[in-house]
Protein backbone atom coordinates (compact mmCIF):
# COMPACT_ATOMS: atom_id res chain seq x y z
CA MET A 1 184.56 67.55 15.38
CA SER A 2 185.09 70.63 13.24
CA GLY A 3 186.22 74.06 14.38
CA ASN A 4 182.71 75.50 14.04
CA LEU A 5 181.84 77.37 17.24
CA TYR A 6 178.27 76.06 17.00
CA GLU A 7 179.55 72.54 17.68
CA SER A 8 180.73 73.71 21.12
CA PHE A 9 177.43 75.45 21.79
CA LEU A 10 175.48 72.38 20.67
CA ASP A 11 177.23 70.19 23.23
CA VAL A 12 176.01 72.53 25.97
CA PHE A 13 172.53 72.86 24.49
CA SER A 14 172.12 69.08 24.29
CA ALA A 15 173.17 68.65 27.91
CA ASN A 16 170.65 71.30 29.00
CA SER A 17 167.84 70.66 26.54
CA GLY A 18 165.06 70.98 29.13
CA ALA A 19 166.56 74.01 30.90
CA PRO A 20 165.37 77.57 30.15
CA ALA A 21 167.59 79.47 27.74
CA ILE A 22 165.74 82.75 27.16
CA GLU A 23 162.95 84.37 29.15
CA LEU A 24 161.22 87.56 27.99
CA ALA A 25 159.80 90.25 30.24
CA ASP A 26 156.29 88.81 29.79
CA GLY A 27 157.45 85.38 30.94
CA THR A 28 157.62 83.74 27.49
CA THR A 29 160.42 81.19 27.67
CA TRP A 30 162.47 79.06 25.27
CA THR A 31 164.31 76.00 26.55
CA TYR A 32 167.67 75.03 25.12
CA GLY A 33 165.96 72.23 23.24
CA GLU A 34 163.50 74.69 21.68
CA LEU A 35 166.36 77.06 20.89
CA THR A 36 168.22 74.26 19.09
CA ASP A 37 165.11 73.44 17.08
CA GLN A 38 164.55 77.05 16.03
CA VAL A 39 168.21 77.53 15.10
CA GLY A 40 168.07 74.39 12.95
CA ARG A 41 164.96 75.61 11.12
CA LEU A 42 166.50 79.03 10.51
CA ALA A 43 169.69 77.41 9.23
CA ARG A 44 167.51 75.43 6.83
CA ARG A 45 165.81 78.66 5.70
CA LEU A 46 169.18 80.32 5.02
CA VAL A 47 170.32 77.36 2.93
CA GLU A 48 166.97 77.42 1.08
CA VAL A 49 167.53 81.04 -0.02
CA GLY A 50 170.98 80.24 -1.37
CA VAL A 51 173.35 80.87 1.53
CA GLU A 52 176.47 78.72 1.17
CA PRO A 53 179.41 78.19 3.55
CA GLY A 54 181.51 81.35 3.69
CA ASP A 55 178.70 83.61 2.45
CA ARG A 56 177.99 86.73 4.47
CA VAL A 57 174.58 87.24 6.06
CA ALA A 58 173.95 90.87 7.04
CA VAL A 59 171.39 91.45 9.77
CA GLN A 60 169.88 94.79 10.83
CA VAL A 61 166.93 94.01 13.08
CA GLU A 62 165.70 94.87 16.54
CA LYS A 63 166.69 92.60 19.41
CA SER A 64 164.55 89.49 19.82
CA PRO A 65 165.08 85.79 20.55
CA GLN A 66 164.68 85.13 16.82
CA ALA A 67 167.51 87.59 16.10
CA LEU A 68 169.78 85.60 18.43
CA PHE A 69 168.63 82.33 16.83
CA THR A 70 169.53 83.77 13.40
CA TYR A 71 173.04 84.56 14.61
CA LEU A 72 173.49 80.94 15.69
CA ALA A 73 171.85 79.65 12.50
CA CYS A 74 174.52 81.41 10.45
CA PHE A 75 177.16 79.41 12.28
CA GLN A 76 175.31 76.13 11.82
CA ALA A 77 175.02 76.81 8.08
CA GLY A 78 178.70 77.79 7.86
CA ALA A 79 177.89 81.40 6.97
CA VAL A 80 179.57 84.58 8.20
CA TYR A 81 177.41 86.76 10.46
CA LEU A 82 177.45 90.51 9.82
CA PRO A 83 175.55 92.50 12.50
CA LEU A 84 174.52 96.07 11.69
CA ASN A 85 173.50 98.71 14.20
CA THR A 86 169.76 99.34 13.98
CA ALA A 87 170.43 103.09 14.02
CA TYR A 88 172.37 103.03 10.74
CA THR A 89 170.77 105.13 8.03
CA GLY A 90 170.24 104.10 4.42
CA PRO A 91 173.52 105.63 3.19
CA GLU A 92 175.44 103.86 5.95
CA VAL A 93 173.81 100.50 5.20
CA ALA A 94 174.55 100.99 1.50
CA TYR A 95 178.25 101.21 2.27
CA PHE A 96 178.30 98.08 4.43
CA LEU A 97 176.40 96.00 1.90
CA SER A 98 178.47 97.17 -1.04
CA ASP A 99 181.68 96.46 0.89
CA ALA A 100 180.81 93.06 2.41
CA ARG A 101 178.70 91.78 -0.52
CA PRO A 102 176.46 89.53 1.58
CA ARG A 103 174.39 86.81 -0.04
CA CYS A 104 171.48 87.54 2.28
CA PHE A 105 170.26 90.65 4.11
CA VAL A 106 167.74 90.49 6.97
CA CYS A 107 166.14 93.83 7.82
CA ASP A 108 163.23 95.31 9.76
CA PRO A 109 160.00 95.09 7.71
CA ARG A 110 159.25 98.71 8.63
CA ARG A 111 162.23 99.71 6.48
CA ALA A 112 161.95 96.91 3.95
CA GLU A 113 161.03 99.08 0.98
CA GLU A 114 163.87 101.55 1.53
CA LEU A 115 166.48 98.91 2.30
CA ALA A 116 165.42 96.44 -0.40
CA THR A 117 166.38 98.99 -3.05
CA ILE A 118 169.73 99.60 -1.36
CA ALA A 119 170.39 95.87 -0.99
CA GLY A 120 169.47 95.20 -4.61
CA GLU A 121 171.91 97.85 -5.79
CA ALA A 122 174.61 96.19 -3.67
CA GLY A 123 174.02 92.85 -5.36
CA VAL A 124 172.29 91.09 -2.45
CA THR A 125 170.34 88.16 -3.90
CA SER A 126 168.12 87.35 -0.92
CA ILE A 127 166.32 89.97 1.16
CA LEU A 128 164.32 88.83 4.20
CA ASN A 129 162.83 90.68 7.14
CA LEU A 130 162.18 90.16 10.84
CA ASP A 131 160.20 92.40 13.18
CA PRO A 132 160.80 92.91 16.93
CA THR A 133 158.20 90.25 17.79
CA GLY A 134 159.95 87.59 15.69
CA PHE A 135 157.66 87.67 12.67
CA GLY A 136 158.64 88.34 9.07
CA THR A 137 159.60 86.64 5.84
CA LEU A 138 162.58 85.06 7.62
CA THR A 139 160.29 83.11 9.94
CA ASP A 140 157.15 82.70 7.78
CA GLY A 141 156.36 78.99 7.45
CA LEU A 142 159.34 78.04 9.60
CA GLU A 143 157.46 75.27 11.41
CA ALA A 144 156.96 73.46 8.11
CA LEU A 145 160.71 73.20 7.57
CA ALA A 146 162.68 70.24 8.84
CA PRO A 147 165.37 71.48 11.23
CA MET A 148 168.90 71.22 9.91
CA THR A 149 170.66 68.75 12.21
CA GLU A 150 174.15 68.70 10.76
CA VAL A 151 176.65 71.47 11.48
CA VAL A 152 178.66 72.62 8.48
CA GLU A 153 182.33 71.89 9.03
CA ARG A 154 184.53 74.92 9.49
CA ASP A 155 188.21 75.30 10.20
CA PRO A 156 188.89 77.17 13.47
CA ASP A 157 190.43 79.99 11.43
CA ASP A 158 187.50 80.29 9.02
CA LEU A 159 185.49 83.47 9.40
CA ALA A 160 182.54 83.44 11.80
CA ALA A 161 181.65 87.13 11.78
CA ILE A 162 182.53 90.50 10.30
CA CYS A 163 181.95 93.47 12.57
CA TYR A 164 182.38 96.96 11.23
CA THR A 165 184.34 99.45 13.29
CA SER A 166 184.70 103.10 12.39
CA GLY A 167 187.91 104.32 10.80
CA THR A 168 189.76 107.60 11.00
CA THR A 169 189.31 108.08 7.26
CA GLY A 170 185.56 108.24 7.79
CA ARG A 171 184.98 104.81 6.26
CA SER A 172 184.25 101.85 8.50
CA LYS A 173 186.44 98.75 8.40
CA GLY A 174 185.16 95.19 8.67
CA ALA A 175 186.99 93.30 11.41
CA MET A 176 187.16 89.63 10.43
CA LEU A 177 186.63 87.34 13.43
CA SER A 178 187.17 83.61 13.20
CA HIS A 179 185.51 80.74 15.05
CA ARG A 180 188.74 80.38 17.05
CA ASN A 181 188.70 84.09 17.97
CA LEU A 182 185.15 83.93 19.30
CA GLU A 183 185.43 80.59 21.05
CA SER A 184 188.73 81.36 22.77
CA ASN A 185 187.36 84.62 24.14
CA ALA A 186 184.10 83.05 25.33
CA ARG A 187 185.90 80.20 27.11
CA THR A 188 188.38 82.59 28.70
CA LEU A 189 185.63 84.88 30.01
CA HIS A 190 183.63 81.88 31.21
CA GLY A 191 186.54 80.91 33.44
CA THR A 192 187.83 84.37 34.33
CA TRP A 193 184.42 85.58 35.50
CA GLY A 194 183.60 82.35 37.31
CA PHE A 195 180.48 81.31 35.43
CA GLN A 196 178.78 78.46 37.28
CA ASP A 197 175.62 76.38 37.48
CA GLY A 198 172.65 78.53 38.41
CA ASP A 199 173.98 81.76 36.92
CA VAL A 200 171.22 83.81 35.30
CA LEU A 201 172.26 86.67 33.03
CA LEU A 202 170.24 89.88 32.89
CA HIS A 203 170.70 90.78 29.21
CA ALA A 204 169.75 94.37 28.39
CA LEU A 205 172.47 95.04 25.80
CA PRO A 206 171.94 95.28 22.02
CA LEU A 207 172.78 92.30 19.81
CA PHE A 208 174.52 94.26 17.05
CA HIS A 209 177.46 95.13 19.30
CA VAL A 210 180.40 92.96 20.43
CA HIS A 211 179.44 93.49 24.08
CA GLY A 212 175.89 92.13 23.86
CA LEU A 213 176.50 89.53 21.17
CA PHE A 214 179.90 87.96 21.81
CA VAL A 215 180.67 88.87 25.42
CA ALA A 216 177.26 88.50 27.06
CA SER A 217 175.43 86.02 24.81
CA ASN A 218 178.33 83.70 23.93
CA THR A 219 179.46 83.39 27.54
CA ALA A 220 175.94 82.68 28.80
CA LEU A 221 175.28 80.16 26.01
CA LEU A 222 178.54 78.37 26.71
CA ASN A 223 177.45 78.06 30.35
CA GLY A 224 173.92 76.89 29.55
CA SER A 225 172.61 79.86 31.52
CA LYS A 226 169.17 81.38 31.36
CA MET A 227 169.09 84.90 29.94
CA LEU A 228 166.48 87.38 31.13
CA PHE A 229 166.16 88.99 27.74
CA LEU A 230 165.16 92.67 27.51
CA PRO A 231 164.86 94.42 24.12
CA LYS A 232 166.81 97.35 25.58
CA PHE A 233 167.81 98.83 28.90
CA ASP A 234 164.70 99.86 30.80
CA ALA A 235 165.35 100.86 34.41
CA ASP A 236 161.88 99.76 35.56
CA GLN A 237 162.29 96.30 34.02
CA VAL A 238 165.86 95.93 35.27
CA ILE A 239 164.78 96.81 38.82
CA ARG A 240 161.99 94.22 38.54
CA LEU A 241 164.26 91.47 37.24
CA LEU A 242 167.43 92.02 39.28
CA PRO A 243 166.25 89.87 42.21
CA ARG A 244 166.03 86.90 39.80
CA ALA A 245 169.44 87.47 38.18
CA ARG A 246 172.96 86.51 39.18
CA VAL A 247 175.05 88.35 36.58
CA MET A 248 174.57 91.64 34.74
CA MET A 249 176.72 93.13 32.01
CA GLY A 250 176.25 96.75 31.07
CA VAL A 251 177.71 100.01 29.89
CA PRO A 252 178.42 102.78 32.44
CA THR A 253 175.16 104.51 31.51
CA PHE A 254 173.22 101.53 32.92
CA TYR A 255 174.82 101.94 36.33
CA VAL A 256 174.42 105.71 36.36
CA ARG A 257 170.71 105.31 35.64
CA LEU A 258 170.27 102.67 38.37
CA LEU A 259 171.98 104.86 40.95
CA GLU A 260 169.42 107.58 40.21
CA ARG A 261 166.68 105.26 41.51
CA ASP A 262 165.67 105.23 45.15
CA ASP A 263 164.43 101.65 44.75
CA PHE A 264 167.87 100.46 43.66
CA THR A 265 169.03 99.11 47.00
CA HIS A 266 171.37 96.64 48.63
CA GLU A 267 168.43 94.34 49.36
CA LEU A 268 167.34 94.39 45.71
CA VAL A 269 170.64 92.87 44.51
CA ALA A 270 171.15 90.40 47.37
CA ASN A 271 170.97 87.48 44.90
CA MET A 272 173.50 88.96 42.48
CA ARG A 273 177.00 87.56 42.01
CA LEU A 274 178.63 89.89 39.50
CA PHE A 275 178.20 93.26 37.80
CA VAL A 276 180.42 93.90 34.76
CA SER A 277 180.94 97.22 32.96
CA GLY A 278 182.56 97.99 29.64
CA SER A 279 182.33 99.63 26.19
CA ALA A 280 183.16 103.04 27.71
CA PRO A 281 185.17 104.30 30.68
CA LEU A 282 183.45 103.90 34.04
CA GLN A 283 183.89 106.99 36.19
CA PRO A 284 185.62 106.14 39.50
CA GLU A 285 182.94 108.14 41.32
CA THR A 286 180.23 105.93 39.80
CA TRP A 287 182.20 102.87 40.93
CA ARG A 288 182.44 104.20 44.48
CA GLN A 289 178.78 105.22 44.66
CA PHE A 290 177.75 101.79 43.42
CA LYS A 291 179.83 100.05 46.08
CA GLU A 292 178.44 102.30 48.82
CA ARG A 293 174.86 101.63 47.71
CA THR A 294 175.05 97.89 47.04
CA GLY A 295 178.24 96.52 48.53
CA PHE A 296 179.27 95.31 45.05
CA GLU A 297 182.41 96.40 43.24
CA ILE A 298 181.67 96.69 39.51
CA LEU A 299 184.14 94.64 37.50
CA GLU A 300 185.49 96.86 34.73
CA ARG A 301 187.13 95.33 31.69
CA TYR A 302 188.48 96.50 28.34
CA GLY A 303 187.92 95.24 24.84
CA MET A 304 187.46 96.25 21.24
CA THR A 305 185.80 94.98 18.11
CA GLU A 306 189.04 93.55 16.77
CA ALA A 307 189.69 91.33 19.76
CA GLY A 308 186.64 90.98 21.96
CA MET A 309 187.78 91.23 25.57
CA ILE A 310 191.45 91.97 26.25
CA THR A 311 191.80 92.79 29.95
CA SER A 312 189.67 92.44 33.06
CA ASN A 313 189.80 93.41 36.67
CA PRO A 314 190.07 90.23 38.75
CA LEU A 315 187.10 88.27 40.04
CA ASP A 316 188.63 87.33 43.39
CA ALA A 317 191.24 90.03 43.99
CA GLU A 318 191.36 93.81 44.16
CA ARG A 319 189.31 95.60 41.54
CA ARG A 320 190.82 99.02 41.09
CA PRO A 321 188.51 101.84 39.90
CA GLY A 322 189.95 103.77 36.98
CA THR A 323 191.77 100.70 35.66
CA VAL A 324 190.73 97.87 33.34
CA GLY A 325 192.67 95.20 35.21
CA PHE A 326 195.08 92.61 33.89
CA PRO A 327 195.50 90.91 30.51
CA LEU A 328 193.22 87.89 30.10
CA PRO A 329 194.87 84.45 30.07
CA ASP A 330 196.69 83.82 26.76
CA VAL A 331 196.50 87.55 25.91
CA GLN A 332 199.70 89.61 25.80
CA VAL A 333 199.71 93.38 26.18
CA ARG A 334 202.45 95.97 26.04
CA VAL A 335 202.75 99.74 25.77
CA ALA A 336 204.92 101.20 23.03
CA LYS A 337 205.87 104.40 21.30
CA GLN A 338 204.60 105.08 17.80
CA ASP A 339 207.86 103.69 16.41
CA GLY A 340 207.29 100.40 18.23
CA THR A 341 209.76 100.94 21.08
CA VAL A 342 208.36 99.10 24.09
CA LEU A 343 207.97 101.28 27.18
CA ASP A 344 208.50 100.50 30.86
CA ARG A 345 205.90 100.36 33.60
CA ASP A 346 204.00 103.60 34.27
CA GLU A 347 205.08 105.09 30.93
CA ILE A 348 202.25 106.22 28.67
CA GLY A 349 202.17 105.03 25.07
CA ILE A 350 199.94 103.09 22.69
CA LEU A 351 198.58 99.75 23.86
CA GLU A 352 199.50 96.78 21.67
CA ILE A 353 197.95 93.31 22.01
CA LYS A 354 198.37 89.73 20.86
CA GLY A 355 196.41 86.54 21.51
CA PRO A 356 194.04 83.87 20.15
CA ASN A 357 191.17 86.38 20.37
CA LEU A 358 192.84 88.77 17.92
CA PHE A 359 191.02 89.18 14.62
CA GLN A 360 192.19 88.00 11.20
CA GLY A 361 192.44 91.46 9.66
CA TYR A 362 190.18 93.98 7.94
CA TRP A 363 187.85 92.79 5.20
CA ASN A 364 189.22 93.65 1.74
CA LYS A 365 191.83 95.96 3.29
CA PRO A 366 195.17 94.12 3.32
CA GLU A 367 197.18 97.36 3.30
CA LYS A 368 195.29 98.74 6.30
CA THR A 369 195.66 95.41 8.08
CA ALA A 370 199.42 95.45 7.52
CA GLU A 371 199.66 99.00 8.87
CA GLU A 372 198.02 98.03 12.15
CA PHE A 373 200.24 95.04 12.99
CA ARG A 374 203.85 94.95 14.17
CA PRO A 375 206.19 92.42 12.53
CA ASP A 376 205.96 90.20 15.63
CA GLY A 377 202.16 89.98 15.38
CA PHE A 378 201.14 92.58 17.96
CA PHE A 379 198.13 94.71 17.02
CA ILE A 380 198.31 98.46 17.53
CA THR A 381 195.06 99.35 19.30
CA GLY A 382 195.33 103.12 19.00
CA ASP A 383 194.44 103.52 22.67
CA ASN A 384 196.84 105.41 24.91
CA ALA A 385 197.59 103.42 28.04
CA LYS A 386 200.03 102.62 30.79
CA ILE A 387 200.70 99.52 32.86
CA ASP A 388 201.35 100.32 36.51
CA ALA A 389 203.85 98.69 38.83
CA ARG A 390 201.27 96.11 39.94
CA GLY A 391 200.39 95.17 36.37
CA TYR A 392 197.01 96.90 36.15
CA VAL A 393 196.28 98.42 32.74
CA HIS A 394 195.09 102.03 32.64
CA ILE A 395 193.44 103.41 29.49
CA VAL A 396 194.44 107.05 29.78
CA GLY A 397 193.18 108.42 26.49
CA ARG A 398 192.52 107.51 22.91
CA ALA A 399 194.75 108.09 19.99
CA LYS A 400 193.19 109.32 16.76
CA ASP A 401 190.54 111.26 18.71
CA LEU A 402 188.12 108.38 19.09
CA ILE A 403 184.94 109.34 20.95
CA ILE A 404 183.03 106.70 22.95
CA SER A 405 179.46 107.85 23.45
CA GLY A 406 177.03 105.58 25.29
CA GLY A 407 179.35 102.65 24.70
CA TYR A 408 179.58 103.15 20.92
CA ASN A 409 182.66 104.23 19.00
CA VAL A 410 182.45 107.47 17.05
CA TYR A 411 185.34 108.59 14.86
CA PRO A 412 185.26 112.37 14.35
CA LYS A 413 186.34 112.20 10.73
CA GLU A 414 183.14 110.47 9.65
CA VAL A 415 181.01 113.15 11.33
CA GLU A 416 183.22 115.92 9.94
CA LEU A 417 182.80 114.63 6.40
CA THR A 418 179.04 114.73 6.87
CA LEU A 419 179.09 118.28 8.25
CA ASP A 420 181.50 119.56 5.60
CA ALA A 421 179.21 118.28 2.85
CA ILE A 422 176.38 120.55 4.06
CA ASP A 423 175.88 123.68 1.98
CA GLY A 424 177.36 126.68 3.74
CA VAL A 425 179.85 124.77 5.90
CA LYS A 426 183.48 125.65 5.21
CA GLU A 427 185.04 123.24 7.71
CA SER A 428 184.34 121.53 10.99
CA ALA A 429 186.00 119.86 13.95
CA VAL A 430 184.29 117.13 15.95
CA PHE A 431 185.36 116.18 19.45
CA GLY A 432 184.06 114.53 22.59
CA VAL A 433 183.33 116.25 25.88
CA PRO A 434 182.31 114.73 29.24
CA HIS A 435 178.68 113.75 29.69
CA LYS A 436 177.29 112.13 32.84
CA ASP A 437 175.00 109.74 31.02
CA PHE A 438 176.88 108.95 27.80
CA GLY A 439 180.45 109.19 29.07
CA GLU A 440 181.25 111.48 26.17
CA ALA A 441 178.98 113.56 23.95
CA VAL A 442 179.71 114.23 20.28
CA THR A 443 180.26 117.98 19.88
CA ALA A 444 181.14 120.02 16.80
CA MET A 445 182.74 123.36 15.96
CA VAL A 446 181.72 124.71 12.55
CA VAL A 447 183.15 127.51 10.41
CA ALA A 448 180.69 128.90 7.85
CA GLU A 449 181.53 129.93 4.32
CA ALA A 450 181.78 133.69 3.81
CA GLY A 451 178.35 135.23 3.41
CA LYS A 452 176.52 132.12 4.63
CA GLU A 453 176.89 132.64 8.36
CA ASN A 454 173.22 133.48 8.83
CA ALA A 455 172.06 130.47 6.80
CA LEU A 456 173.40 127.95 9.29
CA THR A 457 171.81 127.08 12.60
CA GLU A 458 172.71 124.55 15.24
CA LYS A 459 169.37 122.76 14.90
CA GLY A 460 169.60 122.72 11.11
CA LEU A 461 173.05 121.13 11.13
CA ILE A 462 172.05 118.54 13.74
CA ASP A 463 168.92 117.64 11.79
CA ALA A 464 170.93 117.32 8.57
CA CYS A 465 173.43 115.00 10.25
CA ARG A 466 170.62 112.88 11.64
CA THR A 467 169.53 111.95 8.10
CA GLN A 468 173.00 110.64 7.27
CA LEU A 469 174.34 109.28 10.56
CA ALA A 470 173.23 106.99 13.35
CA GLY A 471 171.85 108.89 16.31
CA TYR A 472 174.84 108.19 18.54
CA LYS A 473 177.17 109.75 15.93
CA THR A 474 175.05 112.88 15.47
CA PRO A 475 176.41 115.93 17.35
CA LYS A 476 174.48 116.82 20.47
CA ARG A 477 175.75 120.39 20.28
CA VAL A 478 177.18 122.50 17.45
CA PHE A 479 179.13 125.70 18.07
CA PHE A 480 180.23 128.30 15.53
CA ALA A 481 183.55 130.12 15.15
CA ASP A 482 185.34 132.32 12.64
CA ALA A 483 188.22 129.84 12.49
CA LEU A 484 189.25 126.53 14.04
CA PRO A 485 192.11 126.66 16.57
CA ARG A 486 195.30 125.36 14.94
CA ASN A 487 198.94 124.95 15.88
CA THR A 488 201.88 126.18 13.83
CA MET A 489 201.73 123.04 11.69
CA GLY A 490 198.07 123.69 10.85
CA LYS A 491 196.72 120.80 12.93
CA VAL A 492 193.37 121.48 14.59
CA GLN A 493 193.84 121.67 18.35
CA LYS A 494 191.11 119.33 19.48
CA ALA A 495 192.57 119.12 22.96
CA GLN A 496 191.94 122.85 23.30
CA LEU A 497 188.37 122.44 22.07
CA ARG A 498 187.74 119.66 24.57
CA THR A 499 189.05 121.88 27.35
CA ASP A 500 187.14 124.96 26.22
CA TYR A 501 183.84 123.08 26.09
CA GLU A 502 184.32 120.50 28.84
CA ASP A 503 181.49 122.00 30.93
CA THR A 504 178.95 122.03 28.09
CA PHE A 505 176.95 119.13 29.50
CA GLN A 506 177.67 119.69 33.16
CA GLY A 507 174.65 118.42 35.04
CA ALA A 508 173.13 116.94 31.89
CA ALA A 509 171.57 113.50 31.95
């Protein structure tokens, strides 16, 4: 048996071939046997269009069963899966394709003309498309293809996926994840969260993000669970489906929205076993309100693109609101100063991690990779944290001014570069402020060039950003000033800006 993750999945699929794997809101269902068949046909299609082992396959499509099948087909064919956020604009996609140099790019047919030009310029040799209903050139004539039955051999340390994560320089970095990285994390979560026969996962997360793809999907697939598959979070649909589910994974926004509903009751979730939250900090008040309403304590965990899941509150012991629990089995964590000096309990520093889930480095960026690792192999996460006397990890802030909005990472520098390129803008500062629904909202302070103050408007700047950036990166508010606040060393005082504007979205939803 090779180290290809799909081999492990296939063992489960074969043992559960007649069991339901995916069920859509309209009741359409795929069994694990039908899933295996579709994955094999898609793997054959990828090979037909020239995809070879180790080639990258970039995918920017809406969530659908066929999108998930394509992800698995890449593994079966020995390719490297490269998910792209569906909100990425043309200029953003151009960067990813030119950096990763995929052999094949699968996009939404509604953007095919725009993206085909971009992909061609990036040297992509095969451009296919797939719409939200599962139709497109990727699946045209699929039933006439013989399913690929063999699984291409891969070493456990061969790449399985490249996931781009924003960088402080404004350019995203491709985190290289191996088959071993993904499988170790899926097996650990399967055990840590007590997955069992009969578990049904309510899946309302996107597939282009680590949370929905690797954490939710991989764990459910490894368990042979049925997934109630929603294209996105829809409170009405979630309320309707919760009585049939056992496990739900979500971002804090999901739980805030559910608590706003009068029909979200203790009786509604009587069949549930576990609620998990991640991708952004869960407010302790939300945690308490959820427990009061349902009797369930949300299990909060912590992860990142470069390592999948890292810590988790315990399944069968005290879950402490405001913490992200303990290191997962086989994962080591420590808190250190910037110079690498390891700190004691309850001291705040930068969280460093090590384990079989830790990525292989950044694609085509050996220097950046070397900068982020200590000589003993620990990865510097950039998140400020402390470990309390009982061993619970607390994420107390984020180094490098990372903003997490709606569960997605936003690095201010990328947004600032976009704002600064707009005619009339002298300089800008981008920062996050509290928002009930998104956790944090992207906010900007702009200084206009002399004589151009009247030419700039908040709406105009937001609209201009929207053409260059994904919606979650686009500022929700823009303020103007004569100068940015700076310290004696000339560094912009973003902490002051966050404090000055912390009530901007008070009461917003």
